Every structure is written in C-alpha cells, then in structure tokens.
Amino acid sequence: MEQLLLNIGFGNSVVAQKVVAILSPGSSPMKRVKDEAKKEKRLVDVTHGRKTRAVILTESNHILLSAIQAETVANRFASLMDEKDVKPHG
C-alpha cells in the first residue's frame, strides 16, 4: 500500500494512515496529554518555536505538535484521503 505523507508544517510530514486524531491544543485535557507525552518521551515538537496550533495523535501513541491550525491539518488530511480514496487506519 502506498504511504501518503501529510504535511504538518515546516517541511515535516507524517504518514497519513498512522494519524488517529487531529485536535486543537487549548483544552486542559490536551495540556495533560502533551505533558504526559513529554515525560514519556513520546512528544515530537515540529513548531520551530512557534505557538502550537494542532496536536496530532498517532497510532504509535506519539503526540506531534504543529504550528499549523488544526483545521488546516485536518483539511490536508481529508484531501489526501479523498485523492487516493484511502480509508484511515485504526
């Protein structure tokens, strides 16, 4: 199966089929999720020092932080899935 790469900003990509959820970072539960992932070394920050605007959960239980708006990342994800008529894994 062809792996589709989802652009999450600043030249960084993730295999789209491995994405479980794309969430906004502002809520208290999201802050706890980020803190836990950081403590357990499962956090990948690709914001390049900018404000976190999306939290991406992967099937490997890694948490990716992106400076791209969650809605934009979700739209990119949907476009990839529509283009290739692929169903997300999970």
N, C-alpha and C. Protein backbone atom coordinates (compact mmCIF):
# COMPACT_ATOMS: atom_id res chain seq x y z
N MET A 1 0.83 -1.18 0.00
CA MET A 1 0.00 0.00 0.00
C MET A 1 0.88 1.25 0.00
N GLU A 2 0.53 2.18 -0.83
CA GLU A 2 1.27 3.43 -0.93
C GLU A 2 1.08 4.25 0.34
N GLN A 3 2.18 4.79 0.86
CA GLN A 3 2.09 5.62 2.05
C GLN A 3 1.92 7.07 1.63
N LEU A 4 0.88 7.70 2.14
CA LEU A 4 0.61 9.11 1.86
C LEU A 4 1.19 9.94 2.99
N LEU A 5 1.90 11.01 2.63
CA LEU A 5 2.51 11.86 3.64
C LEU A 5 1.66 13.11 3.85
N LEU A 6 1.36 13.38 5.11
CA LEU A 6 0.58 14.55 5.50
C LEU A 6 1.55 15.65 5.94
N ASN A 7 1.50 16.79 5.27
CA ASN A 7 2.35 17.93 5.60
C ASN A 7 1.82 18.57 6.89
N ILE A 8 2.68 18.60 7.91
CA ILE A 8 2.28 19.19 9.19
C ILE A 8 3.05 20.47 9.48
N GLY A 9 3.72 20.99 8.45
CA GLY A 9 4.38 22.29 8.57
C GLY A 9 5.89 22.24 8.62
N PHE A 10 6.50 23.28 8.07
CA PHE A 10 7.95 23.49 8.09
C PHE A 10 8.72 22.31 7.51
N GLY A 11 8.19 21.73 6.44
CA GLY A 11 8.86 20.62 5.77
C GLY A 11 8.73 19.29 6.49
N ASN A 12 7.89 19.21 7.49
CA ASN A 12 7.69 17.98 8.25
C ASN A 12 6.42 17.28 7.77
N SER A 13 6.51 15.96 7.73
CA SER A 13 5.37 15.14 7.30
C SER A 13 5.23 13.94 8.20
N VAL A 14 4.03 13.38 8.18
CA VAL A 14 3.75 12.15 8.92
C VAL A 14 2.96 11.25 7.97
N VAL A 15 3.11 9.94 8.12
CA VAL A 15 2.34 9.01 7.30
C VAL A 15 0.86 9.18 7.67
N ALA A 16 0.07 9.60 6.70
CA ALA A 16 -1.33 9.96 6.95
C ALA A 16 -2.12 8.80 7.55
N GLN A 17 -1.85 7.58 7.09
CA GLN A 17 -2.60 6.42 7.57
C GLN A 17 -2.33 6.12 9.04
N LYS A 18 -1.30 6.70 9.61
CA LYS A 18 -0.96 6.48 11.03
C LYS A 18 -1.59 7.51 11.96
N VAL A 19 -2.25 8.52 11.39
CA VAL A 19 -2.87 9.58 12.20
C VAL A 19 -4.20 9.07 12.76
N VAL A 20 -4.35 9.21 14.07
CA VAL A 20 -5.58 8.79 14.74
C VAL A 20 -6.50 9.99 14.94
N ALA A 21 -5.93 11.15 15.33
CA ALA A 21 -6.75 12.33 15.58
C ALA A 21 -5.93 13.59 15.39
N ILE A 22 -6.62 14.66 14.99
CA ILE A 22 -6.04 15.99 14.86
C ILE A 22 -6.89 16.90 15.75
N LEU A 23 -6.26 17.46 16.79
CA LEU A 23 -7.01 18.18 17.82
C LEU A 23 -6.46 19.58 18.04
N SER A 24 -7.30 20.44 18.58
CA SER A 24 -6.86 21.78 18.98
C SER A 24 -6.17 21.66 20.33
N PRO A 25 -5.15 22.47 20.58
CA PRO A 25 -4.32 22.29 21.78
C PRO A 25 -4.80 22.99 23.05
N GLY A 26 -5.83 23.82 22.98
CA GLY A 26 -6.15 24.72 24.08
C GLY A 26 -6.75 24.13 25.34
N SER A 27 -7.38 22.99 25.28
CA SER A 27 -8.10 22.47 26.44
C SER A 27 -7.16 21.90 27.51
N SER A 28 -7.66 21.84 28.72
CA SER A 28 -6.87 21.25 29.81
C SER A 28 -6.51 19.79 29.55
N PRO A 29 -7.44 18.97 29.04
CA PRO A 29 -7.06 17.59 28.75
C PRO A 29 -5.91 17.50 27.73
N MET A 30 -5.91 18.38 26.74
CA MET A 30 -4.83 18.36 25.74
C MET A 30 -3.50 18.75 26.38
N LYS A 31 -3.55 19.68 27.31
CA LYS A 31 -2.32 20.07 28.00
C LYS A 31 -1.77 18.90 28.81
N ARG A 32 -2.66 18.14 29.46
CA ARG A 32 -2.22 16.96 30.22
C ARG A 32 -1.64 15.90 29.27
N VAL A 33 -2.29 15.70 28.13
CA VAL A 33 -1.80 14.72 27.15
C VAL A 33 -0.39 15.12 26.69
N LYS A 34 -0.19 16.41 26.39
CA LYS A 34 1.13 16.89 25.97
C LYS A 34 2.17 16.68 27.07
N ASP A 35 1.82 17.02 28.30
CA ASP A 35 2.75 16.88 29.42
C ASP A 35 3.14 15.42 29.65
N GLU A 36 2.15 14.52 29.60
CA GLU A 36 2.43 13.09 29.77
C GLU A 36 3.34 12.58 28.65
N ALA A 37 3.04 12.96 27.42
CA ALA A 37 3.84 12.51 26.28
C ALA A 37 5.27 13.01 26.39
N LYS A 38 5.44 14.24 26.85
CA LYS A 38 6.78 14.79 27.01
C LYS A 38 7.56 14.01 28.06
N LYS A 39 6.90 13.73 29.18
CA LYS A 39 7.54 12.99 30.27
C LYS A 39 7.95 11.58 29.81
N GLU A 40 7.12 10.97 28.96
CA GLU A 40 7.37 9.60 28.48
C GLU A 40 8.16 9.57 27.18
N LYS A 41 8.64 10.73 26.73
CA LYS A 41 9.44 10.85 25.51
C LYS A 41 8.71 10.36 24.27
N ARG A 42 7.41 10.70 24.20
CA ARG A 42 6.59 10.38 23.03
C ARG A 42 6.15 11.65 22.30
N LEU A 43 6.69 12.79 22.71
CA LEU A 43 6.29 14.08 22.16
C LEU A 43 7.28 14.50 21.08
N VAL A 44 6.74 14.90 19.92
CA VAL A 44 7.56 15.42 18.83
C VAL A 44 7.05 16.82 18.52
N ASP A 45 7.90 17.81 18.76
CA ASP A 45 7.53 19.22 18.56
C ASP A 45 8.11 19.70 17.24
N VAL A 46 7.24 19.97 16.26
CA VAL A 46 7.69 20.46 14.96
C VAL A 46 7.19 21.89 14.72
N THR A 47 7.04 22.65 15.80
CA THR A 47 6.53 24.02 15.69
C THR A 47 7.62 25.03 15.34
N HIS A 48 8.88 24.65 15.44
CA HIS A 48 10.01 25.56 15.21
C HIS A 48 9.91 26.78 16.10
N GLY A 49 9.51 26.57 17.36
CA GLY A 49 9.44 27.64 18.34
C GLY A 49 8.20 28.51 18.26
N ARG A 50 7.31 28.18 17.36
CA ARG A 50 6.07 28.94 17.23
C ARG A 50 4.99 28.35 18.12
N LYS A 51 3.87 29.05 18.20
CA LYS A 51 2.75 28.61 19.03
C LYS A 51 2.18 27.29 18.49
N THR A 52 1.88 26.36 19.39
CA THR A 52 1.25 25.10 19.00
C THR A 52 -0.20 25.37 18.63
N ARG A 53 -0.58 24.97 17.42
CA ARG A 53 -1.94 25.20 16.94
C ARG A 53 -2.68 23.89 16.63
N ALA A 54 -1.93 22.78 16.64
CA ALA A 54 -2.56 21.47 16.41
C ALA A 54 -1.79 20.41 17.18
N VAL A 55 -2.53 19.47 17.72
CA VAL A 55 -1.96 18.29 18.38
C VAL A 55 -2.41 17.09 17.56
N ILE A 56 -1.43 16.32 17.08
CA ILE A 56 -1.73 15.18 16.22
C ILE A 56 -1.38 13.91 16.97
N LEU A 57 -2.37 13.04 17.15
CA LEU A 57 -2.18 11.77 17.82
C LEU A 57 -1.95 10.70 16.76
N THR A 58 -0.95 9.84 16.98
CA THR A 58 -0.66 8.78 16.01
C THR A 58 -0.98 7.42 16.61
N GLU A 59 -1.09 6.44 15.74
CA GLU A 59 -1.43 5.10 16.23
C GLU A 59 -0.33 4.50 17.08
N SER A 60 0.90 5.01 16.98
CA SER A 60 2.00 4.54 17.83
C SER A 60 2.00 5.23 19.19
N ASN A 61 0.97 6.05 19.43
CA ASN A 61 0.79 6.78 20.68
C ASN A 61 1.78 7.94 20.83
N HIS A 62 2.37 8.38 19.72
CA HIS A 62 3.20 9.58 19.75
C HIS A 62 2.30 10.79 19.56
N ILE A 63 2.72 11.91 20.13
CA ILE A 63 2.00 13.17 20.04
C ILE A 63 2.88 14.13 19.25
N LEU A 64 2.32 14.67 18.16
CA LEU A 64 3.04 15.63 17.34
C LEU A 64 2.43 17.01 17.56
N LEU A 65 3.28 18.01 17.77
CA LEU A 65 2.82 19.39 17.92
C LEU A 65 3.15 20.14 16.65
N SER A 66 2.14 20.82 16.08
CA SER A 66 2.33 21.56 14.84
C SER A 66 1.92 23.01 15.04
N ALA A 67 2.57 23.91 14.31
CA ALA A 67 2.23 25.33 14.34
C ALA A 67 1.14 25.65 13.31
N ILE A 68 0.70 24.66 12.56
CA ILE A 68 -0.36 24.83 11.58
C ILE A 68 -1.71 24.62 12.28
N GLN A 69 -2.70 25.44 11.96
CA GLN A 69 -4.03 25.31 12.58
C GLN A 69 -4.56 23.89 12.42
N ALA A 70 -5.21 23.37 13.46
CA ALA A 70 -5.77 22.02 13.43
C ALA A 70 -6.72 21.84 12.25
N GLU A 71 -7.52 22.85 11.96
CA GLU A 71 -8.46 22.77 10.84
C GLU A 71 -7.73 22.63 9.50
N THR A 72 -6.63 23.34 9.35
CA THR A 72 -5.84 23.27 8.12
C THR A 72 -5.23 21.87 7.96
N VAL A 73 -4.67 21.34 9.05
CA VAL A 73 -4.09 19.99 9.00
C VAL A 73 -5.19 18.98 8.69
N ALA A 74 -6.35 19.13 9.31
CA ALA A 74 -7.47 18.22 9.06
C ALA A 74 -7.93 18.30 7.61
N ASN A 75 -7.97 19.50 7.03
CA ASN A 75 -8.34 19.66 5.62
C ASN A 75 -7.33 19.00 4.70
N ARG A 76 -6.03 19.14 5.02
CA ARG A 76 -4.99 18.48 4.23
C ARG A 76 -5.16 16.97 4.30
N PHE A 77 -5.45 16.48 5.51
CA PHE A 77 -5.66 15.04 5.71
C PHE A 77 -6.85 14.56 4.87
N ALA A 78 -7.95 15.28 4.94
CA ALA A 78 -9.15 14.90 4.19
C ALA A 78 -8.88 14.91 2.68
N SER A 79 -8.13 15.90 2.22
CA SER A 79 -7.81 15.98 0.79
C SER A 79 -6.97 14.79 0.35
N LEU A 80 -5.99 14.42 1.17
CA LEU A 80 -5.17 13.25 0.85
C LEU A 80 -6.01 11.98 0.75
N MET A 81 -6.89 11.81 1.72
CA MET A 81 -7.73 10.61 1.74
C MET A 81 -8.69 10.59 0.55
N ASP A 82 -9.23 11.76 0.19
CA ASP A 82 -10.13 11.85 -0.95
C ASP A 82 -9.41 11.58 -2.26
N GLU A 83 -8.19 12.15 -2.39
CA GLU A 83 -7.40 11.97 -3.61
C GLU A 83 -7.14 10.51 -3.90
N LYS A 84 -6.76 9.80 -2.90
CA LYS A 84 -6.36 8.40 -3.07
C LYS A 84 -7.47 7.42 -2.74
N ASP A 85 -8.62 7.95 -2.30
CA ASP A 85 -9.75 7.12 -1.90
C ASP A 85 -9.32 6.05 -0.91
N VAL A 86 -8.56 6.50 0.10
CA VAL A 86 -8.00 5.62 1.12
C VAL A 86 -8.74 5.84 2.42
N LYS A 87 -8.99 4.78 3.12
CA LYS A 87 -9.62 4.89 4.44
C LYS A 87 -8.53 4.98 5.51
N PRO A 88 -8.71 5.84 6.52
CA PRO A 88 -7.71 5.94 7.60
C PRO A 88 -7.59 4.60 8.32
N HIS A 89 -6.38 4.36 8.83
CA HIS A 89 -6.11 3.14 9.59
C HIS A 89 -6.60 3.32 11.00
N GLY A 90 -7.13 2.26 11.60
CA GLY A 90 -7.47 2.42 13.00
C GLY A 90 -8.64 1.73 13.42
